[in-house]
Amino acid sequence: MKILFDQGTPVPLRRFLGDHEIVTAFELGWGTLQNGESLHAAEAEVFFAIVSTDQNLRYQQNLSARRLAVLVLMTTDWRLIRQYTDYVAQAVSLLTPGDYIELSFPPPPMAPAPEPKSGS
């Protein structure tokens, strides 16, 4: 899968998603795009999913008609995220087009696979 890391997503996480093609917004020169613009651009470039740390994304954008899966990490703290890279990789592997999933850190004890939420 082709996955876009939005600004704020810790770049070292890409090493733990080895089965996927990871591209950052910075690498594409999209660092100045606002949320709606980056979502449109990602869909136009046929990205399967976007990984973001923007916790307000679902409130700022209408995600219901998106083909793009959205995974929101509820922290930007790489020191915390790196302890749960398997949790993130599992969530990514379960994404389907149009999903919206928020991942909290640390994950709840005995956390089942994250369930998609419907877009706003």
N, C-alpha and C. Protein backbone atom coordinates (compact mmCIF):
# COMPACT_ATOMS: atom_id res chain seq x y z
N MET A 1 0.84 -1.19 0.00
CA MET A 1 0.00 0.00 0.00
C MET A 1 0.87 1.24 0.00
N LYS A 2 0.41 2.24 -0.68
CA LYS A 2 1.09 3.53 -0.72
C LYS A 2 0.48 4.41 0.38
N ILE A 3 1.32 4.81 1.35
CA ILE A 3 0.85 5.53 2.53
C ILE A 3 1.58 6.86 2.65
N LEU A 4 0.79 7.91 2.94
CA LEU A 4 1.33 9.25 3.15
C LEU A 4 1.46 9.52 4.64
N PHE A 5 2.64 9.94 5.07
CA PHE A 5 2.83 10.43 6.43
C PHE A 5 2.65 11.94 6.38
N ASP A 6 1.66 12.42 7.09
CA ASP A 6 1.39 13.85 7.19
C ASP A 6 2.45 14.50 8.09
N GLN A 7 2.50 15.84 8.06
CA GLN A 7 3.39 16.56 8.95
C GLN A 7 3.08 16.14 10.38
N GLY A 8 4.09 15.94 11.18
CA GLY A 8 3.89 15.56 12.58
C GLY A 8 4.00 14.07 12.83
N THR A 9 3.81 13.26 11.79
CA THR A 9 3.94 11.80 11.95
C THR A 9 5.43 11.48 12.04
N PRO A 10 5.86 10.81 13.10
CA PRO A 10 7.29 10.51 13.25
C PRO A 10 7.81 9.66 12.08
N VAL A 11 8.76 10.20 11.36
CA VAL A 11 9.30 9.54 10.17
C VAL A 11 9.94 8.18 10.49
N PRO A 12 10.60 7.98 11.65
CA PRO A 12 11.18 6.66 11.92
C PRO A 12 10.16 5.52 11.92
N LEU A 13 8.90 5.84 12.07
CA LEU A 13 7.85 4.82 12.05
C LEU A 13 7.84 4.06 10.72
N ARG A 14 8.29 4.69 9.65
CA ARG A 14 8.28 4.04 8.34
C ARG A 14 9.07 2.74 8.33
N ARG A 15 10.12 2.64 9.16
CA ARG A 15 10.92 1.40 9.22
C ARG A 15 10.12 0.21 9.70
N PHE A 16 9.03 0.46 10.40
CA PHE A 16 8.23 -0.61 10.97
C PHE A 16 7.02 -0.96 10.10
N LEU A 17 6.91 -0.28 8.97
CA LEU A 17 5.83 -0.54 8.02
C LEU A 17 6.44 -0.97 6.69
N GLY A 18 7.42 -1.85 6.77
CA GLY A 18 8.24 -2.24 5.64
C GLY A 18 7.52 -2.80 4.44
N ASP A 19 6.33 -3.35 4.63
CA ASP A 19 5.59 -3.92 3.51
C ASP A 19 4.89 -2.85 2.68
N HIS A 20 5.00 -1.61 3.10
CA HIS A 20 4.26 -0.53 2.45
C HIS A 20 5.22 0.52 1.90
N GLU A 21 4.74 1.22 0.89
CA GLU A 21 5.50 2.35 0.34
C GLU A 21 5.11 3.59 1.14
N ILE A 22 6.06 4.13 1.90
CA ILE A 22 5.79 5.29 2.76
C ILE A 22 6.44 6.52 2.13
N VAL A 23 5.64 7.57 2.00
CA VAL A 23 6.11 8.86 1.48
C VAL A 23 5.65 9.92 2.46
N THR A 24 6.51 10.90 2.74
CA THR A 24 6.12 11.96 3.67
C THR A 24 5.64 13.19 2.91
N ALA A 25 4.80 13.96 3.56
CA ALA A 25 4.32 15.22 2.97
C ALA A 25 5.52 16.12 2.67
N PHE A 26 6.51 16.11 3.53
CA PHE A 26 7.71 16.91 3.32
C PHE A 26 8.43 16.50 2.04
N GLU A 27 8.59 15.20 1.82
CA GLU A 27 9.28 14.70 0.63
C GLU A 27 8.57 15.13 -0.65
N LEU A 28 7.26 15.27 -0.58
CA LEU A 28 6.48 15.67 -1.76
C LEU A 28 6.37 17.18 -1.91
N GLY A 29 6.90 17.92 -0.94
CA GLY A 29 6.78 19.38 -0.97
C GLY A 29 5.39 19.85 -0.56
N TRP A 30 4.69 19.00 0.21
CA TRP A 30 3.32 19.32 0.62
C TRP A 30 3.26 19.86 2.04
N GLY A 31 4.37 20.28 2.58
CA GLY A 31 4.43 20.73 3.97
C GLY A 31 3.54 21.92 4.27
N THR A 32 3.20 22.70 3.27
CA THR A 32 2.38 23.89 3.51
C THR A 32 0.91 23.66 3.20
N LEU A 33 0.55 22.47 2.71
CA LEU A 33 -0.85 22.20 2.40
C LEU A 33 -1.67 22.08 3.67
N GLN A 34 -2.87 22.62 3.66
CA GLN A 34 -3.80 22.47 4.77
C GLN A 34 -4.43 21.07 4.67
N ASN A 35 -5.16 20.67 5.72
CA ASN A 35 -5.72 19.31 5.78
C ASN A 35 -6.54 18.94 4.55
N GLY A 36 -7.49 19.76 4.18
CA GLY A 36 -8.34 19.44 3.03
C GLY A 36 -7.53 19.31 1.76
N GLU A 37 -6.55 20.21 1.58
CA GLU A 37 -5.70 20.17 0.40
C GLU A 37 -4.85 18.91 0.37
N SER A 38 -4.30 18.53 1.53
CA SER A 38 -3.44 17.33 1.55
C SER A 38 -4.26 16.06 1.33
N LEU A 39 -5.50 16.03 1.83
CA LEU A 39 -6.36 14.87 1.58
C LEU A 39 -6.70 14.75 0.10
N HIS A 40 -7.04 15.87 -0.54
CA HIS A 40 -7.33 15.86 -1.98
C HIS A 40 -6.10 15.44 -2.78
N ALA A 41 -4.95 16.01 -2.42
CA ALA A 41 -3.71 15.69 -3.14
C ALA A 41 -3.36 14.21 -2.97
N ALA A 42 -3.53 13.69 -1.77
CA ALA A 42 -3.22 12.27 -1.51
C ALA A 42 -4.13 11.36 -2.33
N GLU A 43 -5.40 11.70 -2.43
CA GLU A 43 -6.30 10.88 -3.24
C GLU A 43 -5.96 11.00 -4.72
N ALA A 44 -5.59 12.19 -5.16
CA ALA A 44 -5.22 12.39 -6.57
C ALA A 44 -3.96 11.59 -6.92
N GLU A 45 -3.06 11.44 -5.96
CA GLU A 45 -1.82 10.69 -6.18
C GLU A 45 -2.00 9.20 -5.88
N VAL A 46 -3.21 8.77 -5.65
CA VAL A 46 -3.60 7.39 -5.43
C VAL A 46 -2.91 6.78 -4.19
N PHE A 47 -2.85 7.55 -3.12
CA PHE A 47 -2.41 7.00 -1.85
C PHE A 47 -3.57 6.18 -1.30
N PHE A 48 -3.25 5.09 -0.65
CA PHE A 48 -4.27 4.24 -0.03
C PHE A 48 -4.69 4.82 1.32
N ALA A 49 -3.69 5.37 2.06
CA ALA A 49 -3.96 5.84 3.41
C ALA A 49 -3.07 7.02 3.75
N ILE A 50 -3.52 7.78 4.75
CA ILE A 50 -2.72 8.85 5.32
C ILE A 50 -2.60 8.58 6.81
N VAL A 51 -1.38 8.72 7.33
CA VAL A 51 -1.15 8.62 8.77
C VAL A 51 -0.86 10.03 9.25
N SER A 52 -1.64 10.47 10.23
CA SER A 52 -1.57 11.85 10.71
C SER A 52 -1.54 11.87 12.23
N THR A 53 -1.16 12.99 12.78
CA THR A 53 -1.26 13.20 14.22
C THR A 53 -2.24 14.32 14.53
N ASP A 54 -2.97 14.77 13.52
CA ASP A 54 -3.94 15.85 13.69
C ASP A 54 -5.23 15.30 14.29
N GLN A 55 -5.39 15.50 15.58
CA GLN A 55 -6.54 14.96 16.30
C GLN A 55 -7.85 15.68 15.96
N ASN A 56 -7.78 16.80 15.29
CA ASN A 56 -8.98 17.54 14.91
C ASN A 56 -9.43 17.24 13.49
N LEU A 57 -8.71 16.39 12.80
CA LEU A 57 -8.98 16.13 11.39
C LEU A 57 -10.43 15.74 11.13
N ARG A 58 -10.98 14.87 11.93
CA ARG A 58 -12.35 14.40 11.66
C ARG A 58 -13.38 15.50 11.91
N TYR A 59 -13.01 16.51 12.69
CA TYR A 59 -13.93 17.62 12.95
C TYR A 59 -13.79 18.73 11.91
N GLN A 60 -12.62 18.79 11.28
CA GLN A 60 -12.34 19.84 10.30
C GLN A 60 -12.71 19.45 8.88
N GLN A 61 -12.80 18.15 8.61
CA GLN A 61 -13.02 17.67 7.25
C GLN A 61 -14.19 16.69 7.21
N ASN A 62 -14.90 16.69 6.11
CA ASN A 62 -15.93 15.68 5.88
C ASN A 62 -15.22 14.47 5.30
N LEU A 63 -15.11 13.43 6.09
CA LEU A 63 -14.36 12.23 5.68
C LEU A 63 -15.26 11.14 5.12
N SER A 64 -16.56 11.35 5.13
CA SER A 64 -17.50 10.29 4.76
C SER A 64 -17.39 9.86 3.30
N ALA A 65 -17.00 10.75 2.42
CA ALA A 65 -16.94 10.40 1.00
C ALA A 65 -15.51 10.06 0.54
N ARG A 66 -14.59 9.95 1.46
CA ARG A 66 -13.18 9.69 1.11
C ARG A 66 -12.94 8.23 0.76
N ARG A 67 -12.12 8.03 -0.25
CA ARG A 67 -11.64 6.68 -0.58
C ARG A 67 -10.39 6.37 0.25
N LEU A 68 -9.76 7.40 0.72
CA LEU A 68 -8.52 7.32 1.48
C LEU A 68 -8.80 6.87 2.91
N ALA A 69 -8.04 5.90 3.40
CA ALA A 69 -8.12 5.52 4.81
C ALA A 69 -7.31 6.52 5.62
N VAL A 70 -7.80 6.86 6.81
CA VAL A 70 -7.13 7.83 7.67
C VAL A 70 -6.82 7.15 9.00
N LEU A 71 -5.55 7.18 9.39
CA LEU A 71 -5.11 6.66 10.67
C LEU A 71 -4.51 7.81 11.46
N VAL A 72 -5.10 8.14 12.60
CA VAL A 72 -4.63 9.25 13.42
C VAL A 72 -3.94 8.70 14.65
N LEU A 73 -2.68 9.06 14.81
CA LEU A 73 -1.93 8.72 16.01
C LEU A 73 -2.22 9.83 17.02
N MET A 74 -2.67 9.46 18.21
CA MET A 74 -3.12 10.44 19.18
C MET A 74 -1.98 11.06 19.98
N THR A 75 -0.77 10.93 19.48
CA THR A 75 0.40 11.59 20.05
C THR A 75 1.44 11.77 18.94
N THR A 76 2.33 12.72 19.13
CA THR A 76 3.46 12.89 18.20
C THR A 76 4.75 12.37 18.84
N ASP A 77 4.68 11.87 20.06
CA ASP A 77 5.84 11.47 20.84
C ASP A 77 6.43 10.15 20.34
N TRP A 78 7.51 10.25 19.57
CA TRP A 78 8.13 9.06 19.00
C TRP A 78 8.61 8.10 20.10
N ARG A 79 9.09 8.64 21.22
CA ARG A 79 9.55 7.76 22.31
C ARG A 79 8.43 6.85 22.79
N LEU A 80 7.20 7.34 22.76
CA LEU A 80 6.05 6.53 23.17
C LEU A 80 5.60 5.62 22.02
N ILE A 81 5.46 6.17 20.83
CA ILE A 81 4.98 5.40 19.68
C ILE A 81 5.90 4.21 19.40
N ARG A 82 7.21 4.40 19.49
CA ARG A 82 8.14 3.32 19.13
C ARG A 82 8.01 2.10 20.03
N GLN A 83 7.40 2.27 21.19
CA GLN A 83 7.15 1.14 22.07
C GLN A 83 5.99 0.27 21.58
N TYR A 84 5.21 0.82 20.63
CA TYR A 84 3.99 0.15 20.17
C TYR A 84 3.92 0.06 18.65
N THR A 85 5.06 -0.12 18.01
CA THR A 85 5.07 -0.16 16.55
C THR A 85 4.28 -1.34 16.00
N ASP A 86 4.23 -2.45 16.73
CA ASP A 86 3.41 -3.59 16.28
C ASP A 86 1.93 -3.23 16.27
N TYR A 87 1.51 -2.46 17.25
CA TYR A 87 0.13 -1.97 17.35
C TYR A 87 -0.22 -1.10 16.14
N VAL A 88 0.70 -0.21 15.78
CA VAL A 88 0.49 0.65 14.61
C VAL A 88 0.48 -0.19 13.34
N ALA A 89 1.44 -1.09 13.21
CA ALA A 89 1.51 -1.94 12.00
C ALA A 89 0.24 -2.78 11.85
N GLN A 90 -0.30 -3.28 12.95
CA GLN A 90 -1.53 -4.07 12.89
C GLN A 90 -2.69 -3.18 12.41
N ALA A 91 -2.77 -1.97 12.94
CA ALA A 91 -3.84 -1.05 12.53
C ALA A 91 -3.73 -0.74 11.04
N VAL A 92 -2.52 -0.50 10.56
CA VAL A 92 -2.31 -0.21 9.14
C VAL A 92 -2.73 -1.40 8.29
N SER A 93 -2.40 -2.60 8.72
CA SER A 93 -2.72 -3.79 7.93
C SER A 93 -4.22 -4.04 7.84
N LEU A 94 -4.99 -3.50 8.77
CA LEU A 94 -6.44 -3.70 8.78
C LEU A 94 -7.22 -2.59 8.07
N LEU A 95 -6.53 -1.55 7.61
CA LEU A 95 -7.21 -0.43 6.97
C LEU A 95 -7.89 -0.85 5.67
N THR A 96 -9.05 -0.28 5.46
CA THR A 96 -9.76 -0.43 4.19
C THR A 96 -10.13 0.96 3.71
N PRO A 97 -10.38 1.15 2.42
CA PRO A 97 -10.70 2.49 1.90
C PRO A 97 -11.85 3.14 2.67
N GLY A 98 -11.65 4.39 3.05
CA GLY A 98 -12.67 5.16 3.75
C GLY A 98 -12.63 5.03 5.26
N ASP A 99 -11.79 4.15 5.81
CA ASP A 99 -11.70 4.00 7.26
C ASP A 99 -11.18 5.27 7.92
N TYR A 100 -11.60 5.48 9.14
CA TYR A 100 -11.03 6.50 10.02
C TYR A 100 -10.77 5.82 11.36
N ILE A 101 -9.50 5.75 11.75
CA ILE A 101 -9.13 5.08 13.00
C ILE A 101 -8.22 6.00 13.80
N GLU A 102 -8.49 6.09 15.11
CA GLU A 102 -7.64 6.82 16.04
C GLU A 102 -6.93 5.81 16.92
N LEU A 103 -5.61 5.96 17.06
CA LEU A 103 -4.83 5.08 17.92
C LEU A 103 -4.34 5.86 19.13
N SER A 104 -4.73 5.40 20.32
CA SER A 104 -4.26 6.00 21.57
C SER A 104 -2.99 5.28 22.02
N PHE A 105 -2.15 6.01 22.74
CA PHE A 105 -0.91 5.45 23.27
C PHE A 105 -0.80 5.81 24.73
N PRO A 106 -0.49 4.83 25.59
CA PRO A 106 -0.36 3.42 25.24
C PRO A 106 -1.73 2.84 24.88
N PRO A 107 -1.73 1.73 24.13
CA PRO A 107 -3.01 1.11 23.79
C PRO A 107 -3.69 0.58 25.04
N PRO A 108 -5.00 0.47 25.01
CA PRO A 108 -5.70 -0.12 26.16
C PRO A 108 -5.18 -1.54 26.41
N PRO A 109 -5.20 -1.99 27.68
CA PRO A 109 -4.75 -3.36 27.95
C PRO A 109 -5.55 -4.36 27.11
N MET A 110 -4.83 -5.33 26.57
CA MET A 110 -5.46 -6.37 25.75
C MET A 110 -6.27 -5.75 24.63
N ALA A 111 -5.71 -4.72 24.05
CA ALA A 111 -6.42 -3.98 23.00
C ALA A 111 -6.72 -4.88 21.82
N PRO A 112 -8.00 -4.96 21.44
CA PRO A 112 -8.33 -5.67 20.20
C PRO A 112 -7.90 -4.80 19.02
N ALA A 113 -8.01 -5.33 17.85
CA ALA A 113 -7.71 -4.55 16.65
C ALA A 113 -8.58 -3.30 16.65
N PRO A 114 -8.03 -2.14 16.29
CA PRO A 114 -8.81 -0.91 16.27
C PRO A 114 -9.99 -1.01 15.31
N GLU A 115 -11.10 -0.46 15.71
CA GLU A 115 -12.32 -0.45 14.89
C GLU A 115 -12.41 0.87 14.15
N PRO A 116 -12.73 0.85 12.87
CA PRO A 116 -12.91 2.10 12.12
C PRO A 116 -14.11 2.87 12.66
N LYS A 117 -14.01 4.20 12.58
CA LYS A 117 -15.12 5.07 12.93
C LYS A 117 -15.64 5.65 11.64
N SER A 118 -16.90 5.93 11.58
CA SER A 118 -17.44 6.52 10.36
C SER A 118 -16.96 7.96 10.27
N GLY A 119 -16.73 8.43 9.05
CA GLY A 119 -16.31 9.81 8.82
C GLY A 119 -17.40 10.77 9.19
N SER A 120 -17.00 12.01 9.51
CA SER A 120 -17.99 13.03 9.88
C SER A 120 -18.62 13.63 8.66
